[in-house]
PDB file of N, CA and C in Angstrom:
ATOM      1  N   MET A   1      97.022 137.003 116.047  1.00  0.00           N
ATOM      2  CA  MET A   1      96.309 135.611 116.231  1.00  0.00           C
ATOM      3  C   MET A   1      95.076 135.404 115.844  1.00  0.00           C
ATOM      4  N   LYS A   2      94.309 136.837 115.426  1.00  0.00           N
ATOM      5  CA  LYS A   2      93.021 137.081 115.044  1.00  0.00           C
ATOM      6  C   LYS A   2      92.831 137.026 113.438  1.00  0.00           C
ATOM      7  N   ASP A   3      94.211 137.131 113.009  1.00  0.00           N
ATOM      8  CA  ASP A   3      94.174 136.979 111.538  1.00  0.00           C
ATOM      9  C   ASP A   3      94.167 135.595 110.927  1.00  0.00           C
ATOM     10  N   ARG A   4      94.513 134.819 111.982  1.00  0.00           N
ATOM     11  CA  ARG A   4      94.175 133.145 111.475  1.00  0.00           C
ATOM     12  C   ARG A   4      92.657 132.942 111.207  1.00  0.00           C
ATOM     13  N   PRO A   5      92.436 131.870 110.410  1.00  0.00           N
ATOM     14  CA  PRO A   5      91.176 131.397 110.184  1.00  0.00           C
ATOM     15  C   PRO A   5      90.674 130.522 111.411  1.00  0.00           C
ATOM     16  N   LEU A   6      89.523 130.626 111.965  1.00  0.00           N
ATOM     17  CA  LEU A   6      88.913 129.635 112.639  1.00  0.00           C
ATOM     18  C   LEU A   6      89.311 128.174 113.160  1.00  0.00           C
ATOM     19  N   PHE A   7      89.235 127.833 112.121  1.00  0.00           N
ATOM     20  CA  PHE A   7      89.793 126.408 111.800  1.00  0.00           C
ATOM     21  C   PHE A   7      91.105 126.436 112.325  1.00  0.00           C
ATOM     22  N   LEU A   8      91.819 127.191 111.867  1.00  0.00           N
ATOM     23  CA  LEU A   8      93.335 126.942 112.429  1.00  0.00           C
ATOM     24  C   LEU A   8      93.762 127.238 113.611  1.00  0.00           C
ATOM     25  N   ARG A   9      93.014 128.237 114.220  1.00  0.00           N
ATOM     26  CA  ARG A   9      93.002 128.373 115.684  1.00  0.00           C
ATOM     27  C   ARG A   9      92.493 126.871 116.699  1.00  0.00           C
ATOM     28  N   LEU A  10      91.691 126.913 116.052  1.00  0.00           N
ATOM     29  CA  LEU A  10      91.151 125.579 117.006  1.00  0.00           C
ATOM     30  C   LEU A  10      91.949 124.223 116.613  1.00  0.00           C
ATOM     31  N   LEU A  11      92.193 123.694 115.332  1.00  0.00           N
ATOM     32  CA  LEU A  11      93.461 123.087 115.127  1.00  0.00           C
ATOM     33  C   LEU A  11      94.484 123.118 116.364  1.00  0.00           C
ATOM     34  N   ARG A  12      95.396 124.303 116.232  1.00  0.00           N
ATOM     35  CA  ARG A  12      96.150 124.850 116.967  1.00  0.00           C
ATOM     36  C   ARG A  12      96.248 124.422 118.355  1.00  0.00           C
ATOM     37  N   GLY A  13      94.998 124.990 118.785  1.00  0.00           N
ATOM     38  CA  GLY A  13      94.383 124.707 120.235  1.00  0.00           C
ATOM     39  C   GLY A  13      94.369 123.251 120.599  1.00  0.00           C
ATOM     40  N   PHE A  14      93.793 122.514 119.793  1.00  0.00           N
ATOM     41  CA  PHE A  14      93.617 120.761 120.182  1.00  0.00           C
ATOM     42  C   PHE A  14      94.867 120.422 120.023  1.00  0.00           C
ATOM     43  N   ALA A  15      96.134 120.771 119.035  1.00  0.00           N
ATOM     44  CA  ALA A  15      97.337 120.059 119.079  1.00  0.00           C
ATOM     45  C   ALA A  15      98.180 120.831 120.467  1.00  0.00           C
ATOM     46  N   MET A  16      97.828 121.721 120.559  1.00  0.00           N
ATOM     47  CA  MET A  16      98.591 122.563 121.889  1.00  0.00           C
ATOM     48  C   MET A  16      97.968 121.510 123.195  1.00  0.00           C
ATOM     49  N   PHE A  17      97.165 121.502 123.192  1.00  0.00           N
ATOM     50  CA  PHE A  17      96.265 120.284 124.288  1.00  0.00           C
ATOM     51  C   PHE A  17      96.793 119.140 124.591  1.00  0.00           C
ATOM     52  N   TRP A  18      96.829 118.501 123.645  1.00  0.00           N
ATOM     53  CA  TRP A  18      97.597 117.368 123.350  1.00  0.00           C
ATOM     54  C   TRP A  18      99.030 117.058 123.294  1.00  0.00           C
ATOM     55  N   TRP A  19      99.665 117.978 123.196  1.00  0.00           N
ATOM     56  CA  TRP A  19     101.048 118.216 123.336  1.00  0.00           C
ATOM     57  C   TRP A  19     101.366 118.449 124.821  1.00  0.00           C
ATOM     58  N   ASP A  20     100.477 119.524 125.260  1.00  0.00           N
ATOM     59  CA  ASP A  20     100.796 119.743 126.981  1.00  0.00           C
ATOM     60  C   ASP A  20     100.381 118.228 127.915  1.00  0.00           C
ATOM     61  N   PHE A  21      99.134 117.470 127.230  1.00  0.00           N
ATOM     62  CA  PHE A  21      98.433 116.401 128.149  1.00  0.00           C
ATOM     63  C   PHE A  21      99.767 115.725 127.991  1.00  0.00           C
ATOM     64  N   LEU A  22     100.197 115.255 126.423  1.00  0.00           N
ATOM     65  CA  LEU A  22     101.036 114.252 126.681  1.00  0.00           C
ATOM     66  C   LEU A  22     102.368 114.269 126.852  1.00  0.00           C
ATOM     67  N   VAL A  23     102.915 115.460 126.290  1.00  0.00           N
ATOM     68  CA  VAL A  23     104.287 115.616 127.053  1.00  0.00           C
ATOM     69  C   VAL A  23     104.666 116.555 128.421  1.00  0.00           C
ATOM     70  N   GLY A  24     104.002 117.082 129.013  1.00  0.00           N
ATOM     71  CA  GLY A  24     103.530 118.093 129.785  1.00  0.00           C
ATOM     72  C   GLY A  24     105.465 118.526 130.022  1.00  0.00           C
ATOM     73  N   ASP A  25     105.534 118.544 131.436  1.00  0.00           N
ATOM     74  CA  ASP A  25     107.234 119.027 131.799  1.00  0.00           C
ATOM     75  C   ASP A  25     108.057 118.105 131.664  1.00  0.00           C
ATOM     76  N   THR A  26     107.863 116.669 131.516  1.00  0.00           N
ATOM     77  CA  THR A  26     108.651 115.805 131.282  1.00  0.00           C
ATOM     78  C   THR A  26     108.813 114.990 129.843  1.00  0.00           C
ATOM     79  N   PRO A  27     109.252 115.646 129.042  1.00  0.00           N
ATOM     80  CA  PRO A  27     109.405 114.941 127.839  1.00  0.00           C
ATOM     81  C   PRO A  27     110.293 113.478 127.528  1.00  0.00           C
ATOM     82  N   GLU A  28     110.982 113.412 128.602  1.00  0.00           N
ATOM     83  CA  GLU A  28     112.067 111.897 128.639  1.00  0.00           C
ATOM     84  C   GLU A  28     110.938 110.980 128.872  1.00  0.00           C
ATOM     85  N   LEU A  29     109.845 111.134 129.629  1.00  0.00           N
ATOM     86  CA  LEU A  29     108.998 110.237 130.078  1.00  0.00           C
ATOM     87  C   LEU A  29     108.047 109.804 129.150  1.00  0.00           C
ATOM     88  N   PHE A  30     107.585 110.790 128.175  1.00  0.00           N
ATOM     89  CA  PHE A  30     106.535 110.426 126.864  1.00  0.00           C
ATOM     90  C   PHE A  30     107.396 109.615 126.239  1.00  0.00           C
ATOM     91  N   VAL A  31     108.802 109.743 125.873  1.00  0.00           N
ATOM     92  CA  VAL A  31     109.825 109.013 124.881  1.00  0.00           C
ATOM     93  C   VAL A  31     109.819 107.590 125.695  1.00  0.00           C
ATOM     94  N   ALA A  32     110.058 107.497 126.568  1.00  0.00           N
ATOM     95  CA  ALA A  32     110.286 106.541 127.281  1.00  0.00           C
ATOM     96  C   ALA A  32     109.083 105.471 127.237  1.00  0.00           C
ATOM     97  N   ALA A  33     107.904 106.021 127.574  1.00  0.00           N
ATOM     98  CA  ALA A  33     106.554 105.406 127.266  1.00  0.00           C
ATOM     99  C   ALA A  33     106.409 104.738 125.779  1.00  0.00           C
ATOM    100  N   LEU A  34     106.549 105.781 124.934  1.00  0.00           N
ATOM    101  CA  LEU A  34     107.065 105.030 123.307  1.00  0.00           C
ATOM    102  C   LEU A  34     107.852 104.155 123.115  1.00  0.00           C
ATOM    103  N   VAL A  35     109.324 104.250 123.707  1.00  0.00           N
ATOM    104  CA  VAL A  35     110.050 103.479 123.417  1.00  0.00           C
ATOM    105  C   VAL A  35     109.555 101.620 124.396  1.00  0.00           C
ATOM    106  N   ILE A  36     109.119 101.979 125.202  1.00  0.00           N
ATOM    107  CA  ILE A  36     108.481 100.818 126.097  1.00  0.00           C
ATOM    108  C   ILE A  36     107.406 100.254 125.585  1.00  0.00           C
ATOM    109  N   ILE A  37     106.333 100.924 124.967  1.00  0.00           N
ATOM    110  CA  ILE A  37     105.640  99.987 124.454  1.00  0.00           C
ATOM    111  C   ILE A  37     105.964  99.522 123.023  1.00  0.00           C
ATOM    112  N   ALA A  38     106.620 100.291 122.430  1.00  0.00           N
ATOM    113  CA  ALA A  38     107.513  99.696 120.996  1.00  0.00           C
ATOM    114  C   ALA A  38     108.072  98.194 121.519  1.00  0.00           C
ATOM    115  N   THR A  39     109.101  98.418 122.548  1.00  0.00           N
ATOM    116  CA  THR A  39     109.628  97.139 122.724  1.00  0.00           C
ATOM    117  C   THR A  39     108.635  95.888 123.142  1.00  0.00           C
ATOM    118  N   VAL A  40     107.628  96.277 124.061  1.00  0.00           N
ATOM    119  CA  VAL A  40     106.960  94.984 124.509  1.00  0.00           C
ATOM    120  C   VAL A  40     106.121  94.472 123.049  1.00  0.00           C
ATOM    121  N   ALA A  41     105.565  95.471 122.260  1.00  0.00           N
ATOM    122  CA  ALA A  41     105.146  95.474 120.984  1.00  0.00           C
ATOM    123  C   ALA A  41     105.897  94.550 120.114  1.00  0.00           C
ATOM    124  N   LEU A  42     107.024  94.869 119.836  1.00  0.00           N
ATOM    125  CA  LEU A  42     107.925  93.801 119.301  1.00  0.00           C
ATOM    126  C   LEU A  42     108.087  92.365 120.017  1.00  0.00           C
ATOM    127  N   LEU A  43     108.354  92.436 121.118  1.00  0.00           N
ATOM    128  CA  LEU A  43     108.686  91.387 121.712  1.00  0.00           C
ATOM    129  C   LEU A  43     107.508  90.248 121.801  1.00  0.00           C
ATOM    130  N   SER A  44     106.178  90.983 121.612  1.00  0.00           N
ATOM    131  CA  SER A  44     105.040  90.007 121.671  1.00  0.00           C
ATOM    132  C   SER A  44     104.870  89.544 119.990  1.00  0.00           C
ATOM    133  N   GLU A  45     104.673  90.574 119.424  1.00  0.00           N
ATOM    134  CA  GLU A  45     104.162  90.575 117.854  1.00  0.00           C
ATOM    135  C   GLU A  45     105.312  89.842 116.911  1.00  0.00           C
ATOM    136  N   ARG A  46     106.734  90.176 117.199  1.00  0.00           N
ATOM    137  CA  ARG A  46     107.542  89.952 116.213  1.00  0.00           C
ATOM    138  C   ARG A  46     107.990  88.676 116.705  1.00  0.00           C
ATOM    139  N   TRP A  47     108.538  88.304 118.047  1.00  0.00           N
ATOM    140  CA  TRP A  47     109.039  86.910 118.018  1.00  0.00           C
ATOM    141  C   TRP A  47     108.074  86.272 119.094  1.00  0.00           C
ATOM    142  N   HIS A  48     107.072  86.489 119.051  1.00  0.00           N
ATOM    143  CA  HIS A  48     105.975  85.634 120.175  1.00  0.00           C
ATOM    144  C   HIS A  48     106.735  85.736 121.249  1.00  0.00           C
ATOM    145  N   ASP A  49     107.027  86.385 122.073  1.00  0.00           N
ATOM    146  CA  ASP A  49     107.659  85.911 123.420  1.00  0.00           C
ATOM    147  C   ASP A  49     106.636  86.477 124.531  1.00  0.00           C
ATOM    148  N   ASN A  50     105.818  86.105 124.766  1.00  0.00           N
ATOM    149  CA  ASN A  50     104.516  87.177 125.539  1.00  0.00           C
ATOM    150  C   ASN A  50     105.231  86.982 127.170  1.00  0.00           C
ATOM    151  N   ALA A  51     105.836  85.828 127.351  1.00  0.00           N
ATOM    152  CA  ALA A  51     106.403  85.752 128.867  1.00  0.00           C
ATOM    153  C   ALA A  51     107.188  86.954 129.105  1.00  0.00           C
ATOM    154  N   VAL A  52     108.185  87.079 128.154  1.00  0.00           N
ATOM    155  CA  VAL A  52     109.230  88.121 128.284  1.00  0.00           C
ATOM    156  C   VAL A  52     108.628  89.720 128.279  1.00  0.00           C
ATOM    157  N   ALA A  53     107.555  89.714 127.374  1.00  0.00           N
ATOM    158  CA  ALA A  53     107.527  90.839 127.297  1.00  0.00           C
ATOM    159  C   ALA A  53     106.103  91.585 128.543  1.00  0.00           C
ATOM    160  N   VAL A  54     105.675  90.237 129.304  1.00  0.00           N
ATOM    161  CA  VAL A  54     104.852  90.786 130.369  1.00  0.00           C
ATOM    162  C   VAL A  54     105.880  91.210 131.604  1.00  0.00           C
ATOM    163  N   VAL A  55     106.882  90.528 131.381  1.00  0.00           N
ATOM    164  CA  VAL A  55     108.124  91.011 132.713  1.00  0.00           C
ATOM    165  C   VAL A  55     108.748  92.118 132.274  1.00  0.00           C
ATOM    166  N   ALA A  56     109.138  92.453 131.142  1.00  0.00           N
ATOM    167  CA  ALA A  56     109.681  93.922 130.544  1.00  0.00           C
ATOM    168  C   ALA A  56     109.033  94.802 130.851  1.00  0.00           C
ATOM    169  N   LEU A  57     107.430  94.740 130.727  1.00  0.00           N
ATOM    170  CA  LEU A  57     107.018  96.002 130.926  1.00  0.00           C
ATOM    171  C   LEU A  57     106.929  96.568 132.160  1.00  0.00           C
ATOM    172  N   PRO A  58     106.445  95.891 133.514  1.00  0.00           N
ATOM    173  CA  PRO A  58     107.263  96.814 134.717  1.00  0.00           C
ATOM    174  C   PRO A  58     108.464  97.212 134.715  1.00  0.00           C
ATOM    175  N   VAL A  59     109.441  96.216 134.382  1.00  0.00           N
ATOM    176  CA  VAL A  59     110.612  96.564 134.888  1.00  0.00           C
ATOM    177  C   VAL A  59     111.293  97.927 133.466  1.00  0.00           C
ATOM    178  N   LEU A  60     110.777  97.611 132.161  1.00  0.00           N
ATOM    179  CA  LEU A  60     111.160  99.044 131.620  1.00  0.00           C
ATOM    180  C   LEU A  60     110.376 100.055 132.421  1.00  0.00           C
ATOM    181  N   ALA A  61     109.086 100.015 132.853  1.00  0.00           N
ATOM    182  CA  ALA A  61     108.385 101.219 133.507  1.00  0.00           C
ATOM    183  C   ALA A  61     109.299 101.584 134.726  1.00  0.00           C
ATOM    184  N   ILE A  62     109.345 100.733 135.560  1.00  0.00           N
ATOM    185  CA  ILE A  62     110.234 101.013 136.875  1.00  0.00           C
ATOM    186  C   ILE A  62     111.514 101.802 136.645  1.00  0.00           C
ATOM    187  N   ALA A  63     112.323 101.151 135.578  1.00  0.00           N
ATOM    188  CA  ALA A  63     113.547 101.868 135.279  1.00  0.00           C
ATOM    189  C   ALA A  63     113.373 103.340 134.650  1.00  0.00           C
ATOM    190  N   ALA A  64     112.484 103.602 133.684  1.00  0.00           N
ATOM    191  CA  ALA A  64     112.314 105.079 133.405  1.00  0.00           C
ATOM    192  C   ALA A  64     111.801 106.074 134.007  1.00  0.00           C
ATOM    193  N   LEU A  65     111.049 105.283 134.950  1.00  0.00           N
ATOM    194  CA  LEU A  65     110.652 106.328 136.577  1.00  0.00           C
ATOM    195  C   LEU A  65     111.550 106.380 137.209  1.00  0.00           C
ATOM    196  N   ALA A  66     112.412 105.696 137.455  1.00  0.00           N
ATOM    197  CA  ALA A  66     113.917 105.557 138.481  1.00  0.00           C
ATOM    198  C   ALA A  66     114.561 106.859 137.695  1.00  0.00           C
ATOM    199  N   LEU A  67     114.813 106.950 136.613  1.00  0.00           N
ATOM    200  CA  LEU A  67     115.893 107.758 135.976  1.00  0.00           C
ATOM    201  C   LEU A  67     115.417 108.931 135.833  1.00  0.00           C
ATOM    202  N   SER A  68     113.732 109.299 135.578  1.00  0.00           N
ATOM    203  CA  SER A  68     113.355 110.317 135.504  1.00  0.00           C
ATOM    204  C   SER A  68     113.251 111.334 137.093  1.00  0.00           C
ATOM    205  N   VAL A  69     113.426 110.224 138.166  1.00  0.00           N
ATOM    206  CA  VAL A  69     113.179 110.642 139.365  1.00  0.00           C
ATOM    207  C   VAL A  69     114.935 111.019 139.874  1.00  0.00           C
ATOM    208  N   ARG A  70     115.793 110.635 139.302  1.00  0.00           N
ATOM    209  CA  ARG A  70     117.083 110.466 139.753  1.00  0.00           C
ATOM    210  C   ARG A  70     117.161 111.782 139.139  1.00  0.00           C
ATOM    211  N   ARG A  71     116.978 112.267 137.881  1.00  0.00           N
ATOM    212  CA  ARG A  71     117.603 113.458 136.936  1.00  0.00           C
ATOM    213  C   ARG A  71     116.602 114.550 137.701  1.00  0.00           C
ATOM    214  N   ALA A  72     115.565 114.302 137.802  1.00  0.00           N
ATOM    215  CA  ALA A  72     114.701 115.532 138.919  1.00  0.00           C
ATOM    216  C   ALA A  72     115.703 115.739 140.170  1.00  0.00           C
ATOM    217  N   SER A  73     116.465 114.864 140.886  1.00  0.00           N
ATOM    218  CA  SER A  73     116.684 115.175 142.050  1.00  0.00           C
ATOM    219  C   SER A  73     118.231 115.550 141.792  1.00  0.00           C
ATOM    220  N   ARG A  74     118.669 115.334 140.782  1.00  0.00           N
ATOM    221  CA  ARG A  74     119.891 115.954 140.406  1.00  0.00           C
ATOM    222  C   ARG A  74     119.726 117.860 139.756  1.00  0.00           C
ATOM    223  N   ALA A  75     118.765 117.960 139.385  1.00  0.00           N
ATOM    224  CA  ALA A  75     118.485 119.350 138.839  1.00  0.00           C
ATOM    225  C   ALA A  75     118.303 120.371 140.026  1.00  0.00           C
ATOM    226  N   THR A  76     117.584 119.613 141.336  1.00  0.00           N
ATOM    227  CA  THR A  76     117.029 120.557 141.918  1.00  0.00           C
ATOM    228  C   THR A  76     118.364 120.793 142.961  1.00  0.00           C
ATOM    229  N   LYS A  77     119.258 119.789 142.915  1.00  0.00           N
ATOM    230  CA  LYS A  77     120.334 119.798 144.034  1.00  0.00           C
ATOM    231  C   LYS A  77     121.088 121.087 143.686  1.00  0.00           C
ATOM    232  N   ARG A  78     121.196 121.196 142.210  1.00  0.00           N
ATOM    233  CA  ARG A  78     122.410 122.526 141.785  1.00  0.00           C
ATOM    234  C   ARG A  78     121.541 123.837 142.035  1.00  0.00           C
TER     235      ARG A  78
END
């Protein structure tokens, strides 16, 4: 590790911090958040349907969290 330049070590540490902060233990929630944001952005910007986007955001977020909890509870039962 010491043979790498300081800049590369700092860059790697910075990238690892953000990976751990954003993805953490549940990468499926990170992917779900990206999909939700993209869906709401498409609804709002592309099709100009803000009312559907306002409803879709909490519905999709609750669905993603419910699926994550269901997956975690199944994993602990095994």
